[in-house]
C-alpha atoms as a PDB file:
ATOM      1  CA  MET A   1      15.887  -8.888   1.849  1.00  0.00           C
ATOM      2  CA  ALA A   2      13.234  -6.221   1.572  1.00  0.00           C
ATOM      3  CA  ARG A   3      10.693  -5.685   4.279  1.00  0.00           C
ATOM      4  CA  LEU A   4       7.067  -4.588   4.390  1.00  0.00           C
ATOM      5  CA  THR A   5       7.151  -0.856   5.114  1.00  0.00           C
ATOM      6  CA  GLN A   6       3.368  -0.521   5.000  1.00  0.00           C
ATOM      7  CA  ILE A   7       0.624  -3.130   5.336  1.00  0.00           C
ATOM      8  CA  HIS A   8      -2.141  -3.051   2.811  1.00  0.00           C
ATOM      9  CA  SER A   9      -4.683  -5.424   4.501  1.00  0.00           C
ATOM     10  CA  ILE A  10      -5.298  -7.871   7.293  1.00  0.00           C
ATOM     11  CA  PRO A  11      -7.828 -10.746   7.540  1.00  0.00           C
ATOM     12  CA  ALA A  12     -11.331  -9.570   8.334  1.00  0.00           C
ATOM     13  CA  GLN A  13     -11.610 -12.356  10.880  1.00  0.00           C
ATOM     14  CA  PRO A  14      -9.011 -14.139  13.077  1.00  0.00           C
ATOM     15  CA  GLN A  15      -7.302 -17.035  11.350  1.00  0.00           C
ATOM     16  CA  ALA A  16      -6.098 -20.261  12.933  1.00  0.00           C
ATOM     17  CA  VAL A  17      -3.018 -20.424  10.710  1.00  0.00           C
ATOM     18  CA  ALA A  18      -0.884 -17.406   9.854  1.00  0.00           C
ATOM     19  CA  CYS A  19      -0.442 -16.439   6.224  1.00  0.00           C
ATOM     20  CA  GLU A  20       2.893 -16.535   4.479  1.00  0.00           C
ATOM     21  CA  THR A  21       4.533 -13.531   2.905  1.00  0.00           C
ATOM     22  CA  ILE A  22       7.675 -12.886   0.925  1.00  0.00           C
ATOM     23  CA  VAL A  23       8.717  -9.332   0.046  1.00  0.00           C
ATOM     24  CA  ARG A  24      11.035  -8.054  -2.678  1.00  0.00           C
ATOM     25  CA  LEU A  25      12.084  -4.718  -4.191  1.00  0.00           C
ATOM     26  CA  PRO A  26      11.531  -4.173  -7.930  1.00  0.00           C
ATOM     27  CA  HIS A  27      14.246  -3.788 -10.492  1.00  0.00           C
ATOM     28  CA  PRO A  28      16.027  -0.420 -10.113  1.00  0.00           C
ATOM     29  CA  ARG A  29      14.640   0.784 -13.462  1.00  0.00           C
ATOM     30  CA  LEU A  30      11.182   0.678 -11.840  1.00  0.00           C
ATOM     31  CA  ARG A  31      12.156   2.456  -8.655  1.00  0.00           C
ATOM     32  CA  HIS A  32      10.273   5.731  -9.406  1.00  0.00           C
ATOM     33  CA  HIS A  33       7.119   3.801 -10.192  1.00  0.00           C
ATOM     34  CA  VAL A  34       6.979   0.668  -8.051  1.00  0.00           C
ATOM     35  CA  LEU A  35       7.538   0.606  -4.265  1.00  0.00           C
ATOM     36  CA  GLY A  36       7.804  -3.199  -3.913  1.00  0.00           C
ATOM     37  CA  TYR A  37       6.281  -6.604  -4.298  1.00  0.00           C
ATOM     38  CA  ALA A  38       4.722  -8.823  -1.614  1.00  0.00           C
ATOM     39  CA  GLY A  39       3.873 -12.475  -2.388  1.00  0.00           C
ATOM     40  CA  PHE A  40       1.258 -13.920  -0.062  1.00  0.00           C
ATOM     41  CA  ARG A  41      -0.568 -17.168   0.691  1.00  0.00           C
ATOM     42  CA  ALA A  42      -3.402 -17.509   3.199  1.00  0.00           C
ATOM     43  CA  GLY A  43      -2.737 -20.015   5.956  1.00  0.00           C
ATOM     44  CA  ALA A  44      -6.104 -21.676   5.354  1.00  0.00           C
ATOM     45  CA  ARG A  45      -5.087 -22.175   1.667  1.00  0.00           C
ATOM     46  CA  GLY A  46      -8.426 -20.701   0.597  1.00  0.00           C
ATOM     47  CA  ARG A  47      -9.867 -17.285  -0.214  1.00  0.00           C
ATOM     48  CA  ILE A  48     -10.642 -15.203   2.872  1.00  0.00           C
ATOM     49  CA  PRO A  49     -12.116 -11.706   3.242  1.00  0.00           C
ATOM     50  CA  HIS A  50      -9.785  -8.910   4.242  1.00  0.00           C
ATOM     51  CA  ARG A  51      -9.943  -5.493   5.887  1.00  0.00           C
ATOM     52  CA  LEU A  52      -8.194  -2.902   3.682  1.00  0.00           C
ATOM     53  CA  LEU A  53      -6.185  -0.569   5.918  1.00  0.00           C
ATOM     54  CA  PRO A  54      -5.532   3.159   5.348  1.00  0.00           C
ATOM     55  CA  LEU A  55      -2.756   3.534   2.783  1.00  0.00           C
ATOM     56  CA  SER A  56      -1.295   6.505   0.855  1.00  0.00           C
ATOM     57  CA  TYR A  57      -0.473   4.661  -2.336  1.00  0.00           C
ATOM     58  CA  VAL A  58      -2.112   2.341  -4.873  1.00  0.00           C
ATOM     59  CA  ILE A  59      -1.960  -1.475  -4.792  1.00  0.00           C
ATOM     60  CA  LEU A  60      -2.222  -3.865  -7.739  1.00  0.00           C
ATOM     61  CA  LEU A  61      -3.264  -7.213  -6.303  1.00  0.00           C
ATOM     62  CA  VAL A  62      -3.097 -10.405  -8.413  1.00  0.00           C
ATOM     63  CA  ASP A  63      -4.715 -13.613  -7.041  1.00  0.00           C
ATOM     64  CA  PHE A  64      -3.470 -16.818  -8.648  1.00  0.00           C
ATOM     65  CA  ALA A  65      -6.182 -19.001  -7.116  1.00  0.00           C
ATOM     66  CA  ASP A  66      -9.213 -17.565  -8.888  1.00  0.00           C
ATOM     67  CA  PRO A  67      -7.430 -16.054 -10.949  1.00  0.00           C
ATOM     68  CA  TYR A  68      -8.000 -12.290 -11.176  1.00  0.00           C
ATOM     69  CA  ALA A  69      -6.275  -8.917 -10.782  1.00  0.00           C
ATOM     70  CA  LEU A  70      -7.639  -5.774  -9.165  1.00  0.00           C
ATOM     71  CA  VAL A  71      -6.417  -2.319  -8.115  1.00  0.00           C
ATOM     72  CA  THR A  72      -7.142  -0.679  -4.777  1.00  0.00           C
ATOM     73  CA  GLY A  73      -6.636   3.042  -4.380  1.00  0.00           C
ATOM     74  CA  ALA A  74      -5.263   5.110  -1.546  1.00  0.00           C
ATOM     75  CA  ARG A  75      -7.737   5.468   1.338  1.00  0.00           C
ATOM     76  CA  ARG A  76      -8.133   7.367   4.587  1.00  0.00           C
ATOM     77  CA  THR A  77      -9.924   4.739   6.648  1.00  0.00           C
ATOM     78  CA  ALA A  78     -10.266   0.959   6.636  1.00  0.00           C
ATOM     79  CA  THR A  79     -12.991  -0.905   4.783  1.00  0.00           C
ATOM     80  CA  VAL A  80     -14.285  -4.434   4.399  1.00  0.00           C
ATOM     81  CA  ALA A  81     -16.632  -3.430   1.549  1.00  0.00           C
ATOM     82  CA  GLY A  82     -16.321  -4.620  -2.023  1.00  0.00           C
ATOM     83  CA  GLN A  83     -14.093  -7.404  -3.324  1.00  0.00           C
ATOM     84  CA  THR A  84     -11.598  -8.055  -0.585  1.00  0.00           C
ATOM     85  CA  ASP A  85     -11.231 -11.857  -0.628  1.00  0.00           C
ATOM     86  CA  TRP A  86      -8.077 -13.507  -1.942  1.00  0.00           C
ATOM     87  CA  ALA A  87      -5.931 -16.504  -1.174  1.00  0.00           C
ATOM     88  CA  TYR A  88      -2.625 -16.774  -3.004  1.00  0.00           C
ATOM     89  CA  GLY A  89      -0.945 -14.153  -5.074  1.00  0.00           C
ATOM     90  CA  VAL A  90       1.147 -11.006  -5.133  1.00  0.00           C
ATOM     91  CA  SER A  91       0.631  -7.322  -4.474  1.00  0.00           C
ATOM     92  CA  VAL A  92       2.478  -4.440  -6.157  1.00  0.00           C
ATOM     93  CA  GLY A  93       2.768  -1.031  -4.485  1.00  0.00           C
ATOM     94  CA  MET A  94       2.682   1.885  -6.957  1.00  0.00           C
ATOM     95  CA  THR A  95       3.806   5.485  -6.573  1.00  0.00           C
ATOM     96  CA  PRO A  96       1.735   8.401  -7.979  1.00  0.00           C
ATOM     97  CA  ALA A  97       4.055   8.436 -11.038  1.00  0.00           C
ATOM     98  CA  GLY A  98       3.612   4.642 -11.372  1.00  0.00           C
ATOM     99  CA  VAL A  99      -0.152   4.865 -11.312  1.00  0.00           C
ATOM    100  CA  SER A 100      -0.188   7.351 -14.139  1.00  0.00           C
ATOM    101  CA  ALA A 101       2.477   5.608 -16.241  1.00  0.00           C
ATOM    102  CA  LEU A 102       1.545   1.952 -15.630  1.00  0.00           C
ATOM    103  CA  LEU A 103      -2.231   2.140 -15.225  1.00  0.00           C
ATOM    104  CA  GLY A 104      -2.912   5.151 -17.421  1.00  0.00           C
ATOM    105  CA  VAL A 105      -5.136   6.989 -14.943  1.00  0.00           C
ATOM    106  CA  PRO A 106      -4.487   9.820 -12.453  1.00  0.00           C
ATOM    107  CA  MET A 107      -4.196   8.538  -8.904  1.00  0.00           C
ATOM    108  CA  PRO A 108      -7.207  10.547  -7.576  1.00  0.00           C
ATOM    109  CA  GLU A 109      -9.550   8.498  -9.776  1.00  0.00           C
ATOM    110  CA  LEU A 110      -8.708   5.413  -7.688  1.00  0.00           C
ATOM    111  CA  ALA A 111      -9.008   7.011  -4.183  1.00  0.00           C
ATOM    112  CA  GLU A 112     -11.153   4.964  -1.815  1.00  0.00           C
ATOM    113  CA  ALA A 113     -12.001   2.579  -4.746  1.00  0.00           C
ATOM    114  CA  THR A 114     -11.346  -0.971  -5.848  1.00  0.00           C
ATOM    115  CA  VAL A 115     -11.559  -1.741  -9.582  1.00  0.00           C
ATOM    116  CA  PRO A 116     -10.636  -4.717 -11.867  1.00  0.00           C
ATOM    117  CA  LEU A 117      -7.248  -4.230 -13.518  1.00  0.00           C
ATOM    118  CA  SER A 118      -8.836  -4.951 -16.910  1.00  0.00           C
ATOM    119  CA  GLU A 119     -11.007  -1.792 -16.639  1.00  0.00           C
ATOM    120  CA  LEU A 120      -7.792   0.234 -16.484  1.00  0.00           C
ATOM    121  CA  VAL A 121      -5.367  -1.502 -18.851  1.00  0.00           C
ATOM    122  CA  GLY A 122      -7.669  -3.541 -21.059  1.00  0.00           C
ATOM    123  CA  ARG A 123      -6.031  -6.429 -22.881  1.00  0.00           C
ATOM    124  CA  ARG A 124      -2.724  -6.027 -21.032  1.00  0.00           C
ATOM    125  CA  ALA A 125      -4.409  -7.600 -17.999  1.00  0.00           C
ATOM    126  CA  ALA A 126      -5.289 -10.785 -19.911  1.00  0.00           C
ATOM    127  CA  GLY A 127      -3.418 -13.789 -18.638  1.00  0.00           C
ATOM    128  CA  LEU A 128      -1.321 -11.917 -16.086  1.00  0.00           C
ATOM    129  CA  ALA A 129      -2.598 -13.881 -13.049  1.00  0.00           C
ATOM    130  CA  GLU A 130      -2.243 -17.175 -14.916  1.00  0.00           C
ATOM    131  CA  ARG A 131       1.302 -16.459 -16.006  1.00  0.00           C
ATOM    132  CA  LEU A 132       2.377 -15.422 -12.545  1.00  0.00           C
ATOM    133  CA  GLY A 133       0.709 -18.403 -10.922  1.00  0.00           C
ATOM    134  CA  ALA A 134       2.352 -20.801 -13.371  1.00  0.00           C
ATOM    135  CA  ALA A 135       5.890 -19.570 -12.593  1.00  0.00           C
ATOM    136  CA  PRO A 136       7.863 -22.168 -10.626  1.00  0.00           C
ATOM    137  CA  ASP A 137       8.838 -20.022  -7.647  1.00  0.00           C
ATOM    138  CA  TRP A 138       8.733 -16.506  -6.134  1.00  0.00           C
ATOM    139  CA  PRO A 139      12.018 -15.294  -7.674  1.00  0.00           C
ATOM    140  CA  SER A 140      10.647 -16.276 -11.085  1.00  0.00           C
ATOM    141  CA  ARG A 141       7.374 -14.407 -10.380  1.00  0.00           C
ATOM    142  CA  PHE A 142       9.136 -11.267  -9.228  1.00  0.00           C
ATOM    143  CA  ALA A 143      11.372 -11.372 -12.318  1.00  0.00           C
ATOM    144  CA  LEU A 144       8.286 -11.768 -14.475  1.00  0.00           C
ATOM    145  CA  LEU A 145       6.678  -8.767 -12.789  1.00  0.00           C
ATOM    146  CA  ASP A 146       9.809  -6.719 -13.489  1.00  0.00           C
ATOM    147  CA  GLN A 147       9.584  -7.747 -17.135  1.00  0.00           C
ATOM    148  CA  VAL A 148       5.841  -7.061 -17.501  1.00  0.00           C
ATOM    149  CA  LEU A 149       5.847  -3.727 -15.722  1.00  0.00           C
ATOM    150  CA  THR A 150       9.007  -2.557 -17.570  1.00  0.00           C
ATOM    151  CA  GLY A 151       7.158  -3.356 -20.787  1.00  0.00           C
ATOM    152  CA  TRP A 152       4.109  -1.373 -19.638  1.00  0.00           C
ATOM    153  CA  LEU A 153       6.344   1.535 -18.709  1.00  0.00           C
ATOM    154  CA  ALA A 154       8.079   1.501 -22.121  1.00  0.00           C
ATOM    155  CA  GLY A 155       4.664   1.892 -23.799  1.00  0.00           C
ATOM    156  CA  ALA A 156       3.528   4.724 -21.539  1.00  0.00           C
ATOM    157  CA  PRO A 157       3.597   8.372 -22.645  1.00  0.00           C
ATOM    158  CA  SER A 158       6.792  10.053 -21.539  1.00  0.00           C
ATOM    159  CA  GLY A 159       6.522  12.378 -18.600  1.00  0.00           C
ATOM    160  CA  PRO A 160       8.367  13.401 -15.408  1.00  0.00           C
ATOM    161  CA  ALA A 161       8.687  10.760 -12.675  1.00  0.00           C
ATOM    162  CA  GLY A 162       8.915  13.470 -10.019  1.00  0.00           C
ATOM    163  CA  GLY A 163       7.679  16.972  -9.330  1.00  0.00           C
ATOM    164  CA  LEU A 164       7.135  19.031  -6.235  1.00  0.00           C
ATOM    165  CA  VAL A 165       3.863  17.361  -5.198  1.00  0.00           C
ATOM    166  CA  THR A 166       5.375  13.919  -5.698  1.00  0.00           C
ATOM    167  CA  ALA A 167       8.416  14.916  -3.630  1.00  0.00           C
ATOM    168  CA  ALA A 168       6.097  16.111  -0.842  1.00  0.00           C
ATOM    169  CA  TRP A 169       4.137  12.869  -1.071  1.00  0.00           C
ATOM    170  CA  TRP A 170       7.347  10.803  -0.675  1.00  0.00           C
ATOM    171  CA  ARG A 171       8.322  12.857   2.392  1.00  0.00           C
ATOM    172  CA  LEU A 172       4.947  12.550   4.090  1.00  0.00           C
ATOM    173  CA  ALA A 173       4.212   8.926   3.126  1.00  0.00           C
ATOM    174  CA  HIS A 174       7.597   7.459   4.065  1.00  0.00           C
ATOM    175  CA  SER A 175       9.090   9.599   6.802  1.00  0.00           C
ATOM    176  CA  PRO A 176       9.200   7.956  10.228  1.00  0.00           C
ATOM    177  CA  GLU A 177       9.092  11.398  11.850  1.00  0.00           C
ATOM    178  CA  ARG A 178       5.996  13.479  12.220  1.00  0.00           C
ATOM    179  CA  LEU A 179       6.017  16.243   9.628  1.00  0.00           C
ATOM    180  CA  ARG A 180       3.806  19.265   9.833  1.00  0.00           C
ATOM    181  CA  ILE A 181       2.269  20.361   6.525  1.00  0.00           C
ATOM    182  CA  GLY A 182       3.031  24.006   6.912  1.00  0.00           C
ATOM    183  CA  ALA A 183       6.692  23.274   7.747  1.00  0.00           C
ATOM    184  CA  LEU A 184       7.022  21.005   4.778  1.00  0.00           C
ATOM    185  CA  ALA A 185       5.514  23.589   2.464  1.00  0.00           C
ATOM    186  CA  ASP A 186       7.972  26.182   3.780  1.00  0.00           C
ATOM    187  CA  ARG A 187      10.824  23.729   3.221  1.00  0.00           C
ATOM    188  CA  LEU A 188       9.724  23.250  -0.384  1.00  0.00           C
ATOM    189  CA  GLY A 189       9.283  26.961  -0.981  1.00  0.00           C
ATOM    190  CA  VAL A 190       5.500  26.911  -1.577  1.00  0.00           C
ATOM    191  CA  SER A 191       2.404  27.758   0.336  1.00  0.00           C
ATOM    192  CA  ARG A 192       0.389  25.212   2.266  1.00  0.00           C
ATOM    193  CA  ARG A 193      -2.547  26.016  -0.061  1.00  0.00           C
ATOM    194  CA  TYR A 194      -0.413  25.133  -3.082  1.00  0.00           C
ATOM    195  CA  LEU A 195       0.362  21.744  -1.596  1.00  0.00           C
ATOM    196  CA  GLU A 196      -3.261  21.072  -0.708  1.00  0.00           C
ATOM    197  CA  LEU A 197      -4.472  21.858  -4.243  1.00  0.00           C
ATOM    198  CA  GLY A 198      -1.636  19.816  -5.755  1.00  0.00           C
ATOM    199  CA  PHE A 199      -2.403  16.800  -3.600  1.00  0.00           C
ATOM    200  CA  ARG A 200      -6.131  17.037  -4.510  1.00  0.00           C
ATOM    201  CA  ARG A 201      -5.251  17.019  -8.211  1.00  0.00           C
ATOM    202  CA  GLN A 202      -2.393  14.473  -8.208  1.00  0.00           C
ATOM    203  CA  ILE A 203      -2.833  12.222  -5.164  1.00  0.00           C
ATOM    204  CA  GLY A 204      -6.512  12.121  -4.230  1.00  0.00           C
ATOM    205  CA  LEU A 205      -5.788  12.572  -0.513  1.00  0.00           C
ATOM    206  CA  SER A 206      -4.960  15.765   1.283  1.00  0.00           C
ATOM    207  CA  PRO A 207      -1.391  16.220   2.644  1.00  0.00           C
ATOM    208  CA  ALA A 208      -2.882  15.913   6.196  1.00  0.00           C
ATOM    209  CA  ALA A 209      -4.562  12.618   5.265  1.00  0.00           C
ATOM    210  CA  VAL A 210      -1.282  11.255   3.854  1.00  0.00           C
ATOM    211  CA  ALA A 211       0.595  12.324   6.963  1.00  0.00           C
ATOM    212  CA  ARG A 212      -2.040  10.803   9.269  1.00  0.00           C
ATOM    213  CA  THR A 213      -1.996   7.547   7.318  1.00  0.00           C
ATOM    214  CA  ALA A 214       1.784   7.465   7.344  1.00  0.00           C
ATOM    215  CA  ARG A 215       1.887   7.869  11.135  1.00  0.00           C
ATOM    216  CA  PHE A 216      -0.649   5.052  11.552  1.00  0.00           C
ATOM    217  CA  GLN A 217       1.348   2.798   9.222  1.00  0.00           C
ATOM    218  CA  HIS A 218       4.565   3.606  11.074  1.00  0.00           C
ATOM    219  CA  ALA A 219       2.893   2.574  14.289  1.00  0.00           C
ATOM    220  CA  ILE A 220       1.787  -0.669  12.687  1.00  0.00           C
ATOM    221  CA  GLY A 221       5.397  -1.321  11.656  1.00  0.00           C
ATOM    222  CA  LEU A 222       6.550  -0.902  15.295  1.00  0.00           C
ATOM    223  CA  LEU A 223       3.780  -3.206  16.563  1.00  0.00           C
ATOM    224  CA  VAL A 224       4.746  -5.869  13.999  1.00  0.00           C
ATOM    225  CA  GLU A 225       8.290  -5.711  15.370  1.00  0.00           C
ATOM    226  CA  GLY A 226       7.027  -6.366  18.867  1.00  0.00           C
ATOM    227  CA  ALA A 227       6.827  -2.876  20.396  1.00  0.00           C
ATOM    228  CA  ASP A 228       4.318  -2.344  23.198  1.00  0.00           C
ATOM    229  CA  LEU A 229       1.366   0.028  22.830  1.00  0.00           C
ATOM    230  CA  ALA A 230       2.648   2.762  25.116  1.00  0.00           C
ATOM    231  CA  GLY A 231       6.079   2.794  23.493  1.00  0.00           C
ATOM    232  CA  THR A 232       4.541   2.815  20.013  1.00  0.00           C
ATOM    233  CA  ALA A 233       2.263   5.773  20.889  1.00  0.00           C
ATOM    234  CA  ALA A 234       5.251   7.757  22.184  1.00  0.00           C
ATOM    235  CA  ASP A 235       7.582   6.853  19.305  1.00  0.00           C
ATOM    236  CA  THR A 236       5.084   7.843  16.653  1.00  0.00           C
ATOM    237  CA  GLY A 237       4.206  11.225  18.122  1.00  0.00           C
ATOM    238  CA  TYR A 238       0.750  10.582  19.577  1.00  0.00           C
ATOM    239  CA  ALA A 239       0.013  12.773  22.579  1.00  0.00           C
ATOM    240  CA  ASP A 240      -0.613   9.769  24.824  1.00  0.00           C
ATOM    241  CA  GLN A 241      -1.868   6.172  24.680  1.00  0.00           C
ATOM    242  CA  PRO A 242      -5.586   7.167  24.797  1.00  0.00           C
ATOM    243  CA  HIS A 243      -5.014   9.444  21.785  1.00  0.00           C
ATOM    244  CA  PHE A 244      -3.290   6.549  19.998  1.00  0.00           C
ATOM    245  CA  THR A 245      -6.181   4.252  20.837  1.00  0.00           C
ATOM    246  CA  ARG A 246      -8.719   6.730  19.408  1.00  0.00           C
ATOM    247  CA  GLU A 247      -6.737   7.140  16.231  1.00  0.00           C
ATOM    248  CA  VAL A 248      -6.308   3.384  15.667  1.00  0.00           C
ATOM    249  CA  ARG A 249     -10.033   2.882  16.170  1.00  0.00           C
ATOM    250  CA  ALA A 250     -10.947   5.764  13.871  1.00  0.00           C
ATOM    251  CA  LEU A 251      -8.603   4.616  11.075  1.00  0.00           C
ATOM    252  CA  SER A 252      -8.897   0.823  11.302  1.00  0.00           C
ATOM    253  CA  GLY A 253     -12.205   0.200  13.044  1.00  0.00           C
ATOM    254  CA  LEU A 254     -10.348  -1.891  15.651  1.00  0.00           C
ATOM    255  CA  THR A 255      -8.831  -1.292  19.049  1.00  0.00           C
ATOM    256  CA  PRO A 256      -5.039  -1.439  19.230  1.00  0.00           C
ATOM    257  CA  THR A 257      -5.287  -4.783  21.000  1.00  0.00           C
ATOM    258  CA  GLU A 258      -7.537  -6.194  18.301  1.00  0.00           C
ATOM    259  CA  LEU A 259      -5.221  -4.835  15.596  1.00  0.00           C
ATOM    260  CA  CYS A 260      -2.192  -6.415  17.285  1.00  0.00           C
ATOM    261  CA  ALA A 261      -3.898  -9.789  17.192  1.00  0.00           C
ATOM    262  CA  PHE A 262      -4.134  -9.550  13.380  1.00  0.00           C
ATOM    263  CA  LEU A 263      -0.681  -8.079  12.973  1.00  0.00           C
ATOM    264  CA  GLN A 264       1.016 -11.215  14.325  1.00  0.00           C
ATOM    265  CA  ASP A 265       0.419 -12.609  10.865  1.00  0.00           C
ATOM    266  CA  HIS A 266       2.761  -9.973   9.476  1.00  0.00           C
ATOM    267  CA  ALA A 267       5.754 -10.886  11.571  1.00  0.00           C
ATOM    268  CA  PRO A 268       8.937 -11.642   9.485  1.00  0.00           C
ATOM    269  CA  GLY A 269       8.393 -14.850   7.533  1.00  0.00           C
ATOM    270  CA  SER A 270       4.606 -14.627   7.658  1.00  0.00           C
ATOM    271  CA  GLY A 271       1.850 -12.713   5.879  1.00  0.00           C
END
């Protein structure tokens, strides 16, 4: 069973009934391009507005209820602006290589933005939400996503799935430890300036923004698992609990206590 390593969004307002979530990894042939799938269904069984949280990768979100599909880019702070209401569907996390190969655009073009999938892939988006919604169960939907995305990948221009900047992004975005940018650059044998320019051109966020977002998301993961605020602040490298509180408010627009109230919906077996 896969688990949510990062949380894309939370309801904009408290909900009486928790949402439902089921998480799966993609087929291994997609592993350089797709981080994972998360099926979801709002507890209220209707579309609700969401707060998009800081995230260092791109999300394809497909809502079966409307139906529609949209793409949200990496972002440094939370937002409730734009189209953020959905009810029942699936999200797909994409790596920088996946954004380029599957969506046909460089990742920086999507930073801080939300756009309809059809604007990026044209006719390939037609019917996707309907086909996924008509599948009989979640295993069938995830298998269909594997099939569809593998087809998109086969039709994409050939190119490397990795590279030094991508390797640095993987380290910063997914490491549970706090990594300093200068130390990471030294480890990779390049200058900090080289990394900063590379991230600007290939990611759309600076290395420092990716690291900051990753630490925030790691803290969210601990809170979802039931850790207390003081322990979470210490385990994720914040100087103290007040520092942690300031960072959570700056990144999410919520206090840690308010954020925790929403995160209960992301406990195992829920949304």
